[in-house]
Amino acid sequence: MEKPPLSEENRCAEEQRSEPSERRPCRRLFVHGLVLPCKIGIHRHERDAPQRVRISVDLDVKNLTIPHQDTIQEVINYDDIVAGVRDIVGRDHINLVESLA
């Protein structure tokens, strides 16, 4: 039986595992253990004050170019990833952890 075609995201992850590192079409980036205050939960006591949440992000990013210089402008800046997570967590109250995920 033939396997269904992979989505672009899954193809990137699959190629990531099978190619030698210098030829990989994707790079795996991650931020693990980021602890932030978050207004989250459905119970009254959870609505009264922010709770600490621990967040991990794993990204498969297509390689658009190989960096030629040792500068942050040529790569994805982890500060931008963290800022995006902070923005999401800092918005209005979130009822469910599943919604945050």
Protein backbone atom coordinates (compact mmCIF):
# COMPACT_ATOMS: atom_id res chain seq x y z
CA MET A 1 0.00 0.00 0.00
CA GLU A 2 1.35 3.39 -1.00
CA LYS A 3 1.93 6.02 1.69
CA PRO A 4 -0.02 9.28 1.36
CA PRO A 5 2.09 12.26 0.31
CA LEU A 6 3.68 14.21 3.15
CA SER A 7 2.67 17.77 3.87
CA GLU A 8 5.36 20.40 3.32
CA GLU A 9 6.00 20.56 7.07
CA ASN A 10 6.27 16.79 7.47
CA ARG A 11 8.45 16.50 4.38
CA CYS A 12 10.83 19.02 5.90
CA ALA A 13 10.98 17.04 9.15
CA GLU A 14 11.46 13.75 7.28
CA GLU A 15 14.28 15.16 5.15
CA GLN A 16 15.84 16.61 8.29
CA ARG A 17 16.29 13.11 9.68
CA SER A 18 17.58 11.49 6.50
CA GLU A 19 20.09 13.99 5.10
CA PRO A 20 23.65 14.65 6.28
CA SER A 21 23.75 17.91 8.26
CA GLU A 22 25.49 19.99 5.57
CA ARG A 23 22.78 19.13 2.99
CA ARG A 24 19.68 19.28 5.16
CA PRO A 25 16.89 21.39 3.67
CA CYS A 26 15.72 22.32 7.17
CA ARG A 27 17.17 23.38 10.45
CA ARG A 28 15.70 22.35 13.76
CA LEU A 29 15.45 25.22 16.21
CA PHE A 30 14.20 24.93 19.74
CA VAL A 31 13.58 26.90 22.89
CA HIS A 32 13.00 24.63 25.88
CA GLY A 33 11.94 25.44 29.42
CA LEU A 34 10.86 29.05 28.91
CA VAL A 35 8.96 30.02 32.08
CA LEU A 36 6.48 32.90 31.77
CA PRO A 37 3.57 34.31 33.75
CA CYS A 38 0.29 33.52 32.04
CA LYS A 39 -3.35 34.28 32.75
CA ILE A 40 -4.68 30.78 32.22
CA GLY A 41 -7.32 28.46 33.66
CA ILE A 42 -11.06 28.01 33.98
CA HIS A 43 -11.38 28.11 37.77
CA ARG A 44 -11.97 31.30 39.74
CA HIS A 45 -8.68 30.99 41.67
CA GLU A 46 -6.85 30.63 38.34
CA ARG A 47 -8.37 33.87 37.08
CA ASP A 48 -7.24 35.90 40.09
CA ALA A 49 -3.52 35.93 39.30
CA PRO A 50 -1.14 34.85 36.55
CA GLN A 51 0.35 31.37 36.81
CA ARG A 52 3.80 30.28 35.77
CA VAL A 53 3.82 28.15 32.66
CA ARG A 54 6.79 26.32 31.16
CA ILE A 55 6.83 26.41 27.37
CA SER A 56 8.94 24.53 24.85
CA VAL A 57 8.98 25.31 21.14
CA ASP A 58 10.43 23.07 18.42
CA LEU A 59 10.61 24.39 14.87
CA ASP A 60 11.67 22.83 11.59
CA VAL A 61 12.73 25.76 9.44
CA LYS A 62 13.54 25.51 5.75
CA ASN A 63 17.06 26.58 4.92
CA LEU A 64 16.70 29.50 2.60
CA THR A 65 20.39 30.34 2.54
CA ILE A 66 23.53 29.12 4.23
CA PRO A 67 24.96 31.85 6.47
CA HIS A 68 28.16 33.28 5.00
CA GLN A 69 29.04 35.51 7.92
CA ASP A 70 28.89 35.13 11.66
CA THR A 71 26.06 37.66 12.05
CA ILE A 72 22.58 37.44 13.54
CA GLN A 73 21.11 39.02 10.40
CA GLU A 74 21.79 35.81 8.45
CA VAL A 75 19.94 33.43 10.74
CA ILE A 76 16.70 33.17 12.68
CA ASN A 77 17.08 35.10 15.91
CA TYR A 78 15.98 33.14 18.97
CA ASP A 79 15.00 36.44 20.60
CA ASP A 80 12.30 36.79 17.93
CA ILE A 81 10.95 33.33 18.75
CA VAL A 82 10.86 34.13 22.47
CA ALA A 83 9.24 37.52 21.79
CA GLY A 84 6.51 35.81 19.76
CA VAL A 85 5.80 33.37 22.58
CA ARG A 86 5.74 36.23 25.11
CA ASP A 87 3.27 38.08 22.90
CA ILE A 88 0.91 35.10 22.70
CA VAL A 89 1.12 34.37 26.44
CA GLY A 90 0.70 38.05 27.33
CA ARG A 91 -2.60 38.50 25.52
CA ASP A 92 -6.02 38.10 27.12
CA HIS A 93 -6.88 35.36 29.59
CA ILE A 94 -6.63 31.83 28.14
CA ASN A 95 -9.12 29.30 29.45
CA LEU A 96 -7.50 26.05 28.34
CA VAL A 97 -3.91 24.87 28.21
CA GLU A 98 -4.90 23.12 24.98
CA SER A 99 -5.73 26.51 23.45
CA LEU A 100 -2.29 27.82 24.36
CA ALA A 101 -0.59 24.74 22.90
